[in-house]
């Protein structure tokens, strides 16, 4: 059977691992498979014509995988791809993933938002409006608190899209495909400690066999993450950074490799854990709808009763700040910053 597999991401849901693996190894699968990385949101008539011609050339038993994490934000592009190629294939399946919102938000901050001057100013303004002393919180804590206080406006993507409302986002995608003969398969990213195997999960949804690549796929990871210590340093100096939200990744990775021990930033993770719980409680009902509608294995723990988020959170933060009094960085973080100050200053505008 010839099939089209459209991988829509989204970003921060292990898209790079899927893309890099199939870019390297699609040609080694038992069934002839071609992988195409799409040009983000700039899919046009020319690129659609190219994909259509490619699908015609493929043998009767084959797979065409097209992918870009930005497709999740543009269901109309997913529809256009499916409509264009479906006459040439027997099966079209759209595959996307999700993850706990608290985990998604933390990952987005560590990847992009920590180096956005505009987003930090937005967070600072929100803290001031609520009468909270921002200097008592790490960058990650600030991001989670601001998200909760703004109904997650401050956690939106740099493109302006708020995509981690999974039920809303996938319902929109489902509606855009409703009158087409297209399958929509939705998964969720779970921790490795729970035995989750992303690439085998993707292959199962796509209905093909990894064959001899199976062992390699189980251990394959694409992205090298940034050190929390480097992220915190950059966030604290964001006004002086000489890199933008999507720039300087090579330098950030180079500096992160200096943090061999992957030093924690805060002296305690108690607040991060509590804030993550608030976030999952906020999305509890919507997540339950999402799991039921899209047959997704539940990826969140049941929370107790619902609460008034803003009032309860501000009360809890006032108590917390009274106890904290000052931001207590982990001693390992302070040692790391002191030891590597000269190297870290490469992130900053010279002479700033």
Protein backbone atom coordinates (compact mmCIF):
# COMPACT_ATOMS: atom_id res chain seq x y z
CA UNK A 1 0.00 0.00 0.00
CA UNK A 2 1.28 3.45 -0.91
CA UNK A 3 0.70 5.93 1.88
CA UNK A 4 1.26 9.58 2.75
CA UNK A 5 2.26 10.33 6.34
CA UNK A 6 1.99 13.98 7.39
CA UNK A 7 3.84 14.70 10.62
CA UNK A 8 2.56 17.99 12.05
CA UNK A 9 4.69 18.24 15.20
CA UNK A 10 4.14 20.39 17.15
CA UNK A 11 7.37 21.96 18.34
CA UNK A 12 8.66 20.82 21.75
CA UNK A 13 7.03 17.41 21.20
CA UNK A 14 10.16 15.55 20.00
CA UNK A 15 9.72 16.66 16.39
CA UNK A 16 13.48 16.98 15.81
CA UNK A 17 14.05 13.37 16.80
CA UNK A 18 11.45 12.14 14.31
CA UNK A 19 12.72 14.42 11.55
CA UNK A 20 16.41 13.72 11.95
CA UNK A 21 15.91 9.96 12.24
CA UNK A 22 13.89 9.67 9.04
CA UNK A 23 16.07 12.14 7.20
CA UNK A 24 19.02 9.84 7.89
CA UNK A 25 17.44 6.40 7.79
CA UNK A 26 14.21 6.46 5.76
CA UNK A 27 16.07 4.97 2.80
CA UNK A 28 17.04 1.94 4.93
CA UNK A 29 13.49 0.87 5.83
CA UNK A 30 12.17 -2.42 4.46
CA UNK A 31 9.41 -0.64 2.52
CA UNK A 32 10.71 2.11 0.18
CA UNK A 33 10.29 5.35 2.11
CA UNK A 34 11.01 8.96 1.20
CA UNK A 35 11.22 11.72 3.81
CA UNK A 36 10.67 15.37 2.97
CA UNK A 37 11.19 18.23 5.41
CA UNK A 38 8.77 20.97 4.40
CA UNK A 39 9.71 24.67 4.23
CA UNK A 40 7.78 25.65 7.37
CA UNK A 41 4.68 27.75 6.71
CA UNK A 42 5.81 28.71 3.21
CA UNK A 43 4.25 25.69 1.47
CA UNK A 44 3.06 27.03 -1.89
CA UNK A 45 1.77 25.74 -5.22
CA UNK A 46 5.30 24.99 -6.38
CA UNK A 47 6.18 22.83 -3.37
CA UNK A 48 2.78 21.11 -3.53
CA UNK A 49 3.38 20.33 -7.23
CA UNK A 50 6.78 18.86 -6.35
CA UNK A 51 5.24 16.63 -3.65
CA UNK A 52 2.50 15.52 -6.03
CA UNK A 53 5.02 14.58 -8.70
CA UNK A 54 7.11 12.73 -6.13
CA UNK A 55 4.10 10.75 -4.91
CA UNK A 56 3.33 9.67 -8.47
CA UNK A 57 6.86 8.32 -8.96
CA UNK A 58 6.82 6.17 -5.83
CA UNK A 59 6.17 2.42 -6.25
CA UNK A 60 2.83 0.89 -5.20
CA UNK A 61 4.26 -0.32 -1.88
CA UNK A 62 5.91 2.76 -0.39
CA UNK A 63 5.73 5.59 2.15
CA UNK A 64 6.06 9.34 1.70
CA UNK A 65 6.66 11.16 4.98
CA UNK A 66 6.35 14.95 4.98
CA UNK A 67 7.06 16.89 8.14
CA UNK A 68 7.35 20.27 9.78
CA UNK A 69 6.39 21.23 13.32
CA UNK A 70 4.87 24.49 12.08
CA UNK A 71 2.16 22.56 10.24
CA UNK A 72 0.40 22.14 13.59
CA UNK A 73 -0.27 25.87 13.62
CA UNK A 74 -1.62 25.92 10.06
CA UNK A 75 -4.31 23.24 9.55
CA UNK A 76 -5.16 24.73 6.16
CA UNK A 77 -1.69 23.72 4.92
CA UNK A 78 -2.18 20.19 6.21
CA UNK A 79 -5.46 20.05 4.31
CA UNK A 80 -3.85 21.37 1.13
CA UNK A 81 -1.11 18.73 1.26
CA UNK A 82 -3.60 15.92 1.90
CA UNK A 83 -5.91 17.08 -0.92
CA UNK A 84 -3.07 17.42 -3.40
CA UNK A 85 -1.46 14.04 -2.83
CA UNK A 86 -4.40 11.82 -1.81
CA UNK A 87 -5.32 10.90 -5.44
CA UNK A 88 -1.88 9.26 -5.78
CA UNK A 89 -1.90 7.19 -2.56
CA UNK A 90 -4.16 4.65 -0.90
CA UNK A 91 -3.86 5.99 2.63
CA UNK A 92 -3.28 9.42 4.17
CA UNK A 93 -2.55 9.69 7.88
CA UNK A 94 -1.77 12.82 9.89
CA UNK A 95 0.32 12.18 13.01
CA UNK A 96 0.81 14.65 15.85
CA UNK A 97 1.85 14.60 19.49
CA UNK A 98 1.15 16.33 22.79
CA UNK A 99 2.64 16.43 26.28
CA UNK A 100 1.78 17.69 29.74
CA UNK A 101 1.29 21.44 29.52
CA UNK A 102 3.59 22.10 32.47
CA UNK A 103 6.36 20.15 30.76
CA UNK A 104 5.67 21.85 27.42
CA UNK A 105 5.88 25.33 28.97
CA UNK A 106 9.12 24.55 30.78
CA UNK A 107 10.63 23.19 27.59
CA UNK A 108 9.54 26.24 25.56
CA UNK A 109 11.13 28.56 28.11
CA UNK A 110 14.41 26.63 28.05
CA UNK A 111 14.49 26.57 24.25
CA UNK A 112 13.28 30.01 23.11
CA UNK A 113 11.52 32.28 25.57
CA UNK A 114 14.47 32.84 27.93
CA UNK A 115 16.17 34.93 25.23
CA UNK A 116 13.21 37.11 24.30
CA UNK A 117 13.52 40.67 25.64
CA UNK A 118 9.88 41.43 24.83
CA UNK A 119 8.59 38.39 26.70
CA UNK A 120 10.67 39.15 29.79
CA UNK A 121 9.36 42.72 29.86
CA UNK A 122 5.82 41.34 29.62
CA UNK A 123 6.47 39.05 32.60
CA UNK A 124 8.01 41.88 34.62
CA UNK A 125 4.96 44.07 33.98
CA UNK A 126 2.62 41.30 35.12
CA UNK A 127 4.56 40.76 38.36
CA UNK A 128 4.47 44.49 39.07
CA UNK A 129 0.70 44.63 38.48
CA UNK A 130 0.18 41.79 40.96
CA UNK A 131 2.51 43.29 43.58
CA UNK A 132 4.94 40.36 43.47
CA UNK A 133 8.67 40.82 43.95
CA UNK A 134 10.11 39.32 40.76
CA UNK A 135 13.64 39.27 42.19
CA UNK A 136 12.69 36.39 44.48
CA UNK A 137 12.15 33.95 41.60
CA UNK A 138 14.29 32.18 39.02
CA UNK A 139 13.58 32.67 35.35
CA UNK A 140 11.76 29.36 35.09
CA UNK A 141 9.65 30.15 38.16
CA UNK A 142 8.79 33.54 36.68
CA UNK A 143 7.69 31.93 33.40
CA UNK A 144 5.37 29.45 35.12
CA UNK A 145 3.89 32.04 37.50
CA UNK A 146 3.30 34.55 34.70
CA UNK A 147 1.64 31.85 32.63
CA UNK A 148 -0.81 31.04 35.39
CA UNK A 149 -1.57 34.70 36.11
CA UNK A 150 -2.12 35.56 32.43
CA UNK A 151 -4.23 32.52 31.48
CA UNK A 152 -1.08 31.41 29.67
CA UNK A 153 -0.86 34.36 27.31
CA UNK A 154 2.79 34.83 28.29
CA UNK A 155 3.57 31.22 27.34
CA UNK A 156 2.49 31.60 23.72
CA UNK A 157 4.95 30.77 20.97
CA UNK A 158 7.11 33.55 19.58
CA UNK A 159 4.86 33.36 16.51
CA UNK A 160 1.95 34.36 18.75
CA UNK A 161 0.23 30.96 18.67
CA UNK A 162 -0.92 29.36 21.91
CA UNK A 163 -0.72 25.73 20.86
CA UNK A 164 -0.63 23.69 24.07
CA UNK A 165 -4.41 23.81 24.47
CA UNK A 166 -4.41 20.34 22.97
CA UNK A 167 -8.16 19.78 22.80
CA UNK A 168 -8.77 23.10 21.03
CA UNK A 169 -5.79 22.75 18.69
CA UNK A 170 -6.43 19.18 17.61
CA UNK A 171 -10.18 19.80 17.28
CA UNK A 172 -9.36 22.61 14.85
CA UNK A 173 -7.10 20.29 12.88
CA UNK A 174 -9.74 17.54 12.89
CA UNK A 175 -12.39 19.93 11.54
CA UNK A 176 -10.10 21.04 8.74
CA UNK A 177 -9.79 17.41 7.57
CA UNK A 178 -13.38 16.37 8.20
CA UNK A 179 -14.58 15.91 4.62
CA UNK A 180 -11.38 14.23 3.45
CA UNK A 181 -10.53 10.54 3.63
CA UNK A 182 -7.73 11.22 6.11
CA UNK A 183 -6.87 9.54 9.39
CA UNK A 184 -5.75 11.63 12.36
CA UNK A 185 -3.59 9.84 14.92
CA UNK A 186 -2.64 11.70 18.11
CA UNK A 187 -0.06 10.53 20.64
CA UNK A 188 1.49 11.93 23.76
CA UNK A 189 5.11 12.23 24.78
CA UNK A 190 5.82 10.45 28.05
CA UNK A 191 9.02 10.22 30.11
CA UNK A 192 11.59 7.59 29.18
CA UNK A 193 11.21 6.27 32.72
CA UNK A 194 7.72 5.11 31.73
CA UNK A 195 9.14 3.03 28.89
CA UNK A 196 7.96 5.36 26.13
CA UNK A 197 9.65 4.78 22.77
CA UNK A 198 8.87 7.68 20.44
CA UNK A 199 10.15 6.34 17.13
CA UNK A 200 8.49 2.95 17.56
CA UNK A 201 5.27 4.74 18.51
CA UNK A 202 5.47 6.84 15.34
CA UNK A 203 6.15 3.76 13.20
CA UNK A 204 3.19 1.93 14.75
CA UNK A 205 0.89 4.85 13.96
CA UNK A 206 2.25 5.02 10.42
CA UNK A 207 1.80 1.25 10.10
CA UNK A 208 5.28 0.33 8.96
CA UNK A 209 8.07 -1.85 10.31
CA UNK A 210 11.39 -0.38 11.42
CA UNK A 211 13.05 -3.74 10.81
CA UNK A 212 16.76 -3.74 11.61
CA UNK A 213 16.58 -0.06 12.55
CA UNK A 214 14.46 -0.92 15.58
CA UNK A 215 17.36 -1.13 18.06
CA UNK A 216 18.85 2.14 16.83
CA UNK A 217 15.47 3.86 17.01
CA UNK A 218 14.98 2.93 20.67
CA UNK A 219 18.06 4.93 21.71
CA UNK A 220 17.94 7.73 19.15
CA UNK A 221 17.75 11.32 20.41
CA UNK A 222 18.23 14.45 18.31
CA UNK A 223 18.58 17.63 20.30
CA UNK A 224 21.24 18.48 22.84
CA UNK A 225 19.52 20.53 25.54
CA UNK A 226 20.80 23.77 27.04
CA UNK A 227 22.07 23.77 30.62
CA UNK A 228 19.65 25.32 33.13
CA UNK A 229 22.56 27.35 34.50
CA UNK A 230 23.35 28.85 31.08
CA UNK A 231 19.66 29.54 30.46
CA UNK A 232 19.35 31.37 33.78
CA UNK A 233 22.47 33.45 33.12
CA UNK A 234 21.18 34.43 29.68
CA UNK A 235 17.72 35.27 31.02
CA UNK A 236 19.16 37.49 33.76
CA UNK A 237 21.15 39.35 31.11
CA UNK A 238 18.58 39.24 28.31
CA UNK A 239 18.74 43.00 27.70
CA UNK A 240 22.44 42.64 26.87
CA UNK A 241 22.33 39.43 24.82
CA UNK A 242 23.89 39.55 21.37
CA UNK A 243 21.73 36.63 20.21
CA UNK A 244 18.04 36.56 19.36
CA UNK A 245 15.37 34.02 20.34
CA UNK A 246 16.36 31.70 17.48
CA UNK A 247 20.05 32.60 17.22
CA UNK A 248 23.23 31.40 18.87
CA UNK A 249 22.24 27.77 19.46
CA UNK A 250 25.77 26.53 18.74
CA UNK A 251 27.23 28.91 21.33
CA UNK A 252 24.58 27.98 23.90
CA UNK A 253 25.35 24.28 23.41
CA UNK A 254 29.09 24.94 23.65
CA UNK A 255 28.63 26.79 26.94
CA UNK A 256 26.20 24.15 28.22
CA UNK A 257 28.88 21.49 27.76
CA UNK A 258 30.93 23.33 30.38
CA UNK A 259 28.21 22.48 32.89
CA UNK A 260 29.20 18.83 33.15
CA UNK A 261 27.18 18.25 36.31
CA UNK A 262 24.08 19.97 34.89
CA UNK A 263 23.82 22.10 38.00
CA UNK A 264 20.33 22.98 39.26
CA UNK A 265 19.59 26.70 39.47
CA UNK A 266 17.31 27.01 42.48
CA UNK A 267 18.10 25.69 45.91
CA UNK A 268 14.84 23.77 45.87
CA UNK A 269 12.40 22.43 43.27
CA UNK A 270 9.44 22.73 45.63
CA UNK A 271 8.00 25.79 43.89
CA UNK A 272 8.47 24.39 40.36
CA UNK A 273 6.68 21.20 41.42
CA UNK A 274 3.83 23.18 42.98
CA UNK A 275 3.45 25.46 39.96
CA UNK A 276 3.41 22.47 37.61
CA UNK A 277 0.58 21.04 39.69
CA UNK A 278 -1.38 24.29 39.37
CA UNK A 279 -0.93 24.20 35.59
CA UNK A 280 -2.18 20.63 35.26
CA UNK A 281 -5.13 21.46 37.48
CA UNK A 282 -5.96 24.39 35.23
CA UNK A 283 -6.07 22.12 32.17
CA UNK A 284 -7.62 19.10 33.88
CA UNK A 285 -11.10 19.20 32.31
CA UNK A 286 -9.84 20.14 28.86
CA UNK A 287 -7.24 17.36 28.95
CA UNK A 288 -9.88 14.82 29.89
CA UNK A 289 -11.97 15.89 26.87
CA UNK A 290 -8.89 15.72 24.67
CA UNK A 291 -8.00 12.19 25.77
CA UNK A 292 -11.53 10.94 25.25
CA UNK A 293 -12.05 12.56 21.85
CA UNK A 294 -8.72 11.51 20.33
CA UNK A 295 -8.28 8.19 22.10
CA UNK A 296 -5.12 9.41 23.80
CA UNK A 297 -3.76 7.54 26.78
CA UNK A 298 -4.16 9.84 29.77
CA UNK A 299 -0.94 11.74 30.38
CA UNK A 300 -1.91 13.62 33.54
CA UNK A 301 -2.76 12.76 37.10
CA UNK A 302 -6.21 13.49 38.46
CA UNK A 303 -6.19 16.67 40.46
CA UNK A 304 -8.53 17.30 43.37
CA UNK A 305 -11.24 19.94 43.20
CA UNK A 306 -11.04 22.95 40.93
CA UNK A 307 -9.81 26.23 42.40
CA UNK A 308 -9.84 29.94 41.69
CA UNK A 309 -6.44 29.98 40.04
CA UNK A 310 -5.44 33.62 40.44
CA UNK A 311 -6.58 34.15 44.03
CA UNK A 312 -5.21 30.84 45.27
CA UNK A 313 -1.91 31.29 43.45
CA UNK A 314 -1.29 34.84 44.67
CA UNK A 315 -2.11 33.83 48.24
CA UNK A 316 0.31 30.90 47.99
CA UNK A 317 3.04 33.09 46.46
CA UNK A 318 2.68 35.71 49.18
CA UNK A 319 3.26 33.02 51.79
CA UNK A 320 6.14 31.59 49.79
CA UNK A 321 7.87 34.95 49.31
CA UNK A 322 7.53 35.77 52.99
CA UNK A 323 9.43 32.58 53.73
CA UNK A 324 11.99 32.95 50.94
CA UNK A 325 12.83 36.64 51.50
CA UNK A 326 15.66 36.41 48.99
CA UNK A 327 16.35 34.28 45.93
CA UNK A 328 18.57 31.43 47.07
CA UNK A 329 20.47 30.09 44.11
CA UNK A 330 21.96 26.62 44.32
CA UNK A 331 25.60 26.86 45.40
CA UNK A 332 26.60 24.79 42.36
CA UNK A 333 24.99 27.38 40.08
CA UNK A 334 26.88 30.22 41.76
CA UNK A 335 30.16 28.29 41.44
CA UNK A 336 29.48 27.62 37.78
CA UNK A 337 28.77 31.28 37.02
CA UNK A 338 31.89 32.40 38.90
CA UNK A 339 34.14 29.79 37.28
CA UNK A 340 32.97 30.40 33.71
CA UNK A 341 32.17 34.11 33.80
CA UNK A 342 34.57 34.94 30.96
CA UNK A 343 33.13 32.27 28.67
CA UNK A 344 29.52 33.20 29.52
CA UNK A 345 30.14 36.83 28.61
CA UNK A 346 30.47 35.72 25.00
CA UNK A 347 26.66 35.71 25.05
CA UNK A 348 26.60 39.45 25.75
CA UNK A 349 27.07 42.49 23.59
CA UNK A 350 30.77 43.45 23.92
CA UNK A 351 31.29 46.28 26.39
CA UNK A 352 27.69 46.20 27.64
